[in-house]
Amino acid sequence: QVQLVESGGGLVQPGGSLRLSCVVSGIIFSTYDMGWYRQAPGKQRELVARITSGGSTNYVDSVKGRFTISRDNAKNMVFLQMNSLKPEDTAVYYCTVEFFGSPQHWGQGTQVTVSS
């Protein structure tokens, strides 16, 4: 079965950085688009970034220039480098396997808290 395991979340001060990682098993990783979503308390889940199987990327406007999504097909991993973090980035972050533009499989999530 498909499994996604995120890591790298934690508590960071405003302006700091974190790097989220997600290791995936059960699929031919290199052939799938991958995504990172987040859900803040009391808010709807939103797409943060997506990377296609060919390496093209897109981001929600609020993180452009601060976050970078990347992938390592040899290790079946996808990453989210988050710089210049803001309190409004506080959320649970989820890694997803994408299929025709929609998330099909989800990880368990990792908490990111930005606070002084």
N, C-alpha and C. Protein backbone atom coordinates (compact mmCIF):
# COMPACT_ATOMS: atom_id res chain seq x y z
N GLN A 1 0.84 -1.18 0.00
CA GLN A 1 0.00 0.00 0.00
C GLN A 1 0.88 1.24 0.00
N VAL A 2 0.26 2.37 -0.32
CA VAL A 2 1.00 3.63 -0.40
C VAL A 2 1.17 4.17 1.02
N GLN A 3 2.41 4.55 1.33
CA GLN A 3 2.70 5.16 2.63
C GLN A 3 3.52 6.42 2.42
N LEU A 4 3.17 7.45 3.18
CA LEU A 4 3.90 8.71 3.17
C LEU A 4 4.21 9.06 4.63
N VAL A 5 5.45 9.37 4.91
CA VAL A 5 5.85 9.71 6.27
C VAL A 5 6.61 11.03 6.25
N GLU A 6 6.00 12.04 6.90
CA GLU A 6 6.61 13.36 6.97
C GLU A 6 7.48 13.49 8.21
N SER A 7 8.45 14.39 8.13
CA SER A 7 9.28 14.72 9.28
C SER A 7 9.82 16.13 9.09
N GLY A 8 10.37 16.69 10.17
CA GLY A 8 11.02 17.98 10.06
C GLY A 8 10.27 19.15 10.66
N GLY A 9 9.06 18.91 11.12
CA GLY A 9 8.31 20.00 11.74
C GLY A 9 8.87 20.35 13.10
N GLY A 10 8.32 21.43 13.68
CA GLY A 10 8.78 21.83 15.00
C GLY A 10 8.41 23.27 15.30
N LEU A 11 9.02 23.79 16.35
CA LEU A 11 8.81 25.17 16.78
C LEU A 11 9.98 26.02 16.30
N VAL A 12 9.66 27.13 15.67
CA VAL A 12 10.69 28.02 15.15
C VAL A 12 10.24 29.46 15.36
N GLN A 13 11.21 30.35 15.54
CA GLN A 13 10.89 31.77 15.72
C GLN A 13 10.57 32.41 14.37
N PRO A 14 9.80 33.48 14.39
CA PRO A 14 9.54 34.21 13.14
C PRO A 14 10.86 34.60 12.47
N GLY A 15 10.89 34.42 11.15
CA GLY A 15 12.10 34.67 10.39
C GLY A 15 13.00 33.47 10.23
N GLY A 16 12.70 32.42 10.97
CA GLY A 16 13.52 31.21 10.92
C GLY A 16 13.18 30.31 9.74
N SER A 17 13.84 29.16 9.72
CA SER A 17 13.69 28.21 8.62
C SER A 17 13.45 26.80 9.15
N LEU A 18 12.76 26.03 8.34
CA LEU A 18 12.58 24.60 8.58
C LEU A 18 12.60 23.89 7.24
N ARG A 19 13.00 22.63 7.26
CA ARG A 19 12.94 21.81 6.06
C ARG A 19 12.13 20.56 6.37
N LEU A 20 11.00 20.45 5.68
CA LEU A 20 10.15 19.27 5.82
C LEU A 20 10.58 18.22 4.81
N SER A 21 10.51 16.96 5.25
CA SER A 21 10.83 15.84 4.38
C SER A 21 9.67 14.86 4.37
N CYS A 22 9.53 14.15 3.27
CA CYS A 22 8.49 13.13 3.15
C CYS A 22 9.06 11.96 2.36
N VAL A 23 9.04 10.79 2.96
CA VAL A 23 9.48 9.60 2.24
C VAL A 23 8.25 8.79 1.86
N VAL A 24 8.24 8.31 0.63
CA VAL A 24 7.08 7.66 0.05
C VAL A 24 7.41 6.23 -0.35
N SER A 25 6.49 5.32 -0.11
CA SER A 25 6.66 3.94 -0.56
C SER A 25 5.35 3.43 -1.15
N GLY A 26 5.46 2.39 -1.95
CA GLY A 26 4.27 1.77 -2.50
C GLY A 26 3.84 2.27 -3.86
N ILE A 27 4.60 3.21 -4.44
CA ILE A 27 4.30 3.71 -5.77
C ILE A 27 5.60 3.85 -6.55
N ILE A 28 5.47 3.99 -7.86
CA ILE A 28 6.65 4.33 -8.68
C ILE A 28 6.79 5.84 -8.56
N PHE A 29 7.55 6.25 -7.57
CA PHE A 29 7.58 7.65 -7.12
C PHE A 29 7.85 8.62 -8.25
N SER A 30 8.79 8.29 -9.10
CA SER A 30 9.24 9.25 -10.12
C SER A 30 8.15 9.60 -11.12
N THR A 31 7.10 8.82 -11.20
CA THR A 31 6.05 9.06 -12.19
C THR A 31 4.90 9.90 -11.66
N TYR A 32 4.94 10.27 -10.38
CA TYR A 32 3.83 11.00 -9.77
C TYR A 32 4.19 12.44 -9.43
N ASP A 33 3.20 13.31 -9.58
CA ASP A 33 3.31 14.64 -9.01
C ASP A 33 3.15 14.53 -7.49
N MET A 34 3.77 15.46 -6.79
CA MET A 34 3.72 15.46 -5.33
C MET A 34 3.32 16.84 -4.83
N GLY A 35 2.70 16.86 -3.65
CA GLY A 35 2.27 18.14 -3.11
C GLY A 35 2.51 18.25 -1.61
N TRP A 36 2.50 19.48 -1.16
CA TRP A 36 2.47 19.80 0.27
C TRP A 36 1.23 20.66 0.52
N TYR A 37 0.44 20.24 1.49
CA TYR A 37 -0.72 20.99 1.93
C TYR A 37 -0.52 21.38 3.39
N ARG A 38 -1.34 22.32 3.84
CA ARG A 38 -1.31 22.66 5.26
C ARG A 38 -2.71 23.01 5.74
N GLN A 39 -2.91 22.81 7.03
CA GLN A 39 -4.18 23.17 7.65
C GLN A 39 -3.91 23.84 8.98
N ALA A 40 -4.30 25.10 9.05
CA ALA A 40 -4.18 25.86 10.29
C ALA A 40 -5.45 25.69 11.11
N PRO A 41 -5.36 25.91 12.42
CA PRO A 41 -6.54 25.78 13.28
C PRO A 41 -7.68 26.66 12.81
N GLY A 42 -8.85 26.07 12.63
CA GLY A 42 -10.02 26.82 12.23
C GLY A 42 -10.07 27.21 10.77
N LYS A 43 -9.11 26.72 9.98
CA LYS A 43 -9.07 27.07 8.56
C LYS A 43 -9.14 25.82 7.70
N GLN A 44 -9.49 26.04 6.44
CA GLN A 44 -9.53 24.93 5.50
C GLN A 44 -8.12 24.52 5.08
N ARG A 45 -8.01 23.27 4.73
CA ARG A 45 -6.73 22.79 4.22
C ARG A 45 -6.45 23.46 2.87
N GLU A 46 -5.19 23.85 2.65
CA GLU A 46 -4.83 24.52 1.40
C GLU A 46 -3.56 23.92 0.81
N LEU A 47 -3.51 23.96 -0.52
CA LEU A 47 -2.30 23.54 -1.22
C LEU A 47 -1.23 24.60 -1.03
N VAL A 48 -0.05 24.18 -0.59
CA VAL A 48 1.07 25.10 -0.42
C VAL A 48 1.97 25.09 -1.64
N ALA A 49 2.31 23.88 -2.09
CA ALA A 49 3.23 23.76 -3.23
C ALA A 49 3.02 22.41 -3.89
N ARG A 50 3.33 22.38 -5.18
CA ARG A 50 3.22 21.13 -5.93
C ARG A 50 4.43 21.04 -6.85
N ILE A 51 4.91 19.81 -7.04
CA ILE A 51 5.99 19.56 -7.98
C ILE A 51 5.58 18.40 -8.87
N THR A 52 5.72 18.59 -10.17
CA THR A 52 5.32 17.55 -11.10
C THR A 52 6.40 16.48 -11.21
N SER A 53 6.06 15.40 -11.89
CA SER A 53 7.04 14.34 -12.10
C SER A 53 8.22 14.86 -12.91
N GLY A 54 7.99 15.89 -13.71
CA GLY A 54 9.07 16.47 -14.51
C GLY A 54 9.84 17.58 -13.81
N GLY A 55 9.41 17.93 -12.59
CA GLY A 55 10.14 18.91 -11.81
C GLY A 55 9.58 20.32 -11.86
N SER A 56 8.48 20.55 -12.57
CA SER A 56 7.87 21.87 -12.56
C SER A 56 7.19 22.10 -11.22
N THR A 57 7.22 23.36 -10.78
CA THR A 57 6.69 23.68 -9.45
C THR A 57 5.66 24.80 -9.51
N ASN A 58 4.77 24.82 -8.55
CA ASN A 58 3.90 25.96 -8.35
C ASN A 58 3.62 26.11 -6.86
N TYR A 59 3.30 27.36 -6.47
CA TYR A 59 3.14 27.71 -5.07
C TYR A 59 1.92 28.57 -4.86
N VAL A 60 1.36 28.48 -3.65
CA VAL A 60 0.34 29.44 -3.28
C VAL A 60 1.01 30.81 -3.11
N ASP A 61 0.29 31.87 -3.43
CA ASP A 61 0.91 33.21 -3.44
C ASP A 61 1.57 33.57 -2.11
N SER A 62 0.99 33.14 -1.02
CA SER A 62 1.48 33.56 0.29
C SER A 62 2.86 33.02 0.64
N VAL A 63 3.34 32.01 -0.10
CA VAL A 63 4.66 31.43 0.22
C VAL A 63 5.68 31.64 -0.90
N LYS A 64 5.26 32.24 -1.99
CA LYS A 64 6.18 32.45 -3.11
C LYS A 64 7.38 33.28 -2.67
N GLY A 65 8.57 32.82 -3.06
CA GLY A 65 9.79 33.50 -2.68
C GLY A 65 10.33 33.10 -1.32
N ARG A 66 9.55 32.36 -0.56
CA ARG A 66 9.99 31.92 0.78
C ARG A 66 10.13 30.40 0.88
N PHE A 67 9.25 29.68 0.20
CA PHE A 67 9.25 28.21 0.27
C PHE A 67 9.74 27.64 -1.06
N THR A 68 10.39 26.49 -0.96
CA THR A 68 10.86 25.78 -2.15
C THR A 68 10.54 24.29 -2.01
N ILE A 69 9.84 23.76 -3.00
CA ILE A 69 9.57 22.33 -3.03
C ILE A 69 10.58 21.67 -3.96
N SER A 70 11.04 20.48 -3.58
CA SER A 70 11.98 19.74 -4.41
C SER A 70 11.76 18.25 -4.18
N ARG A 71 12.39 17.45 -5.03
CA ARG A 71 12.23 16.01 -4.91
C ARG A 71 13.53 15.30 -5.23
N ASP A 72 13.68 14.12 -4.66
CA ASP A 72 14.82 13.25 -4.93
C ASP A 72 14.24 11.90 -5.33
N ASN A 73 14.18 11.65 -6.62
CA ASN A 73 13.54 10.41 -7.10
C ASN A 73 14.33 9.17 -6.72
N ALA A 74 15.63 9.30 -6.54
CA ALA A 74 16.44 8.14 -6.15
C ALA A 74 16.12 7.68 -4.74
N LYS A 75 15.65 8.62 -3.91
CA LYS A 75 15.34 8.30 -2.50
C LYS A 75 13.85 8.27 -2.22
N ASN A 76 13.03 8.47 -3.25
CA ASN A 76 11.57 8.51 -3.06
C ASN A 76 11.17 9.55 -2.03
N MET A 77 11.75 10.73 -2.15
CA MET A 77 11.50 11.77 -1.15
C MET A 77 11.12 13.09 -1.80
N VAL A 78 10.30 13.83 -1.09
CA VAL A 78 9.95 15.20 -1.48
C VAL A 78 10.20 16.09 -0.26
N PHE A 79 10.62 17.33 -0.54
CA PHE A 79 11.03 18.24 0.51
C PHE A 79 10.29 19.57 0.38
N LEU A 80 10.19 20.26 1.50
CA LEU A 80 9.69 21.63 1.48
C LEU A 80 10.62 22.47 2.35
N GLN A 81 11.43 23.29 1.69
CA GLN A 81 12.30 24.22 2.40
C GLN A 81 11.52 25.48 2.68
N MET A 82 11.41 25.85 3.94
CA MET A 82 10.61 26.99 4.35
C MET A 82 11.52 28.02 5.02
N ASN A 83 11.63 29.17 4.40
CA ASN A 83 12.46 30.25 4.92
C ASN A 83 11.58 31.44 5.29
N SER A 84 12.15 32.36 6.06
CA SER A 84 11.44 33.58 6.46
C SER A 84 10.05 33.26 7.00
N LEU A 85 10.00 32.30 7.89
CA LEU A 85 8.70 31.83 8.38
C LEU A 85 7.99 32.91 9.18
N LYS A 86 6.67 32.90 9.05
CA LYS A 86 5.79 33.87 9.71
C LYS A 86 4.82 33.13 10.63
N PRO A 87 4.30 33.81 11.62
CA PRO A 87 3.31 33.15 12.50
C PRO A 87 2.13 32.56 11.72
N GLU A 88 1.75 33.19 10.63
CA GLU A 88 0.62 32.68 9.84
C GLU A 88 0.96 31.42 9.07
N ASP A 89 2.22 30.99 9.08
CA ASP A 89 2.60 29.70 8.50
C ASP A 89 2.35 28.54 9.46
N THR A 90 1.97 28.86 10.68
CA THR A 90 1.70 27.82 11.66
C THR A 90 0.54 26.93 11.19
N ALA A 91 0.78 25.63 11.12
CA ALA A 91 -0.21 24.69 10.60
C ALA A 91 0.34 23.27 10.71
N VAL A 92 -0.52 22.32 10.47
CA VAL A 92 -0.07 20.95 10.23
C VAL A 92 0.17 20.83 8.72
N TYR A 93 1.35 20.35 8.37
CA TYR A 93 1.73 20.21 6.97
C TYR A 93 1.66 18.74 6.55
N TYR A 94 1.05 18.53 5.38
CA TYR A 94 0.83 17.18 4.88
C TYR A 94 1.50 17.02 3.51
N CYS A 95 2.11 15.89 3.34
CA CYS A 95 2.66 15.49 2.05
C CYS A 95 1.61 14.67 1.31
N THR A 96 1.51 14.87 0.00
CA THR A 96 0.50 14.15 -0.77
C THR A 96 1.08 13.59 -2.07
N VAL A 97 0.48 12.50 -2.51
CA VAL A 97 0.67 11.99 -3.86
C VAL A 97 -0.48 12.55 -4.70
N GLU A 98 -0.14 13.20 -5.79
CA GLU A 98 -1.13 13.86 -6.62
C GLU A 98 -1.46 13.01 -7.86
N PHE A 99 -2.70 13.09 -8.26
CA PHE A 99 -3.14 12.36 -9.46
C PHE A 99 -4.10 13.27 -10.21
N PHE A 100 -3.70 13.68 -11.41
CA PHE A 100 -4.50 14.60 -12.21
C PHE A 100 -4.92 15.83 -11.40
N GLY A 101 -3.96 16.38 -10.66
CA GLY A 101 -4.20 17.64 -9.97
C GLY A 101 -4.92 17.54 -8.65
N SER A 102 -5.18 16.34 -8.17
CA SER A 102 -5.86 16.17 -6.89
C SER A 102 -5.07 15.24 -5.99
N PRO A 103 -5.10 15.49 -4.67
CA PRO A 103 -4.38 14.61 -3.75
C PRO A 103 -5.08 13.27 -3.61
N GLN A 104 -4.31 12.20 -3.78
CA GLN A 104 -4.88 10.86 -3.70
C GLN A 104 -4.45 10.11 -2.44
N HIS A 105 -3.27 10.43 -1.96
CA HIS A 105 -2.76 9.78 -0.75
C HIS A 105 -2.14 10.85 0.13
N TRP A 106 -2.33 10.69 1.44
CA TRP A 106 -1.87 11.69 2.41
C TRP A 106 -0.95 11.06 3.45
N GLY A 107 0.01 11.85 3.91
CA GLY A 107 0.77 11.46 5.07
C GLY A 107 0.01 11.80 6.35
N GLN A 108 0.64 11.55 7.48
CA GLN A 108 -0.02 11.77 8.77
C GLN A 108 0.08 13.22 9.22
N GLY A 109 0.95 13.99 8.59
CA GLY A 109 1.11 15.39 8.92
C GLY A 109 2.22 15.63 9.93
N THR A 110 2.78 16.82 9.84
CA THR A 110 3.81 17.25 10.79
C THR A 110 3.50 18.70 11.20
N GLN A 111 3.58 18.97 12.49
CA GLN A 111 3.21 20.28 13.02
C GLN A 111 4.35 21.28 12.84
N VAL A 112 4.01 22.43 12.31
CA VAL A 112 4.94 23.56 12.23
C VAL A 112 4.34 24.70 13.03
N THR A 113 5.10 25.19 14.00
CA THR A 113 4.65 26.30 14.84
C THR A 113 5.67 27.41 14.76
N VAL A 114 5.21 28.59 14.34
CA VAL A 114 6.08 29.76 14.23
C VAL A 114 5.66 30.75 15.31
N SER A 115 6.52 30.91 16.30
CA SER A 115 6.17 31.74 17.44
C SER A 115 7.43 32.19 18.16
N SER A 116 7.35 33.38 18.73
CA SER A 116 8.47 33.87 19.54
C SER A 116 8.24 33.54 21.01
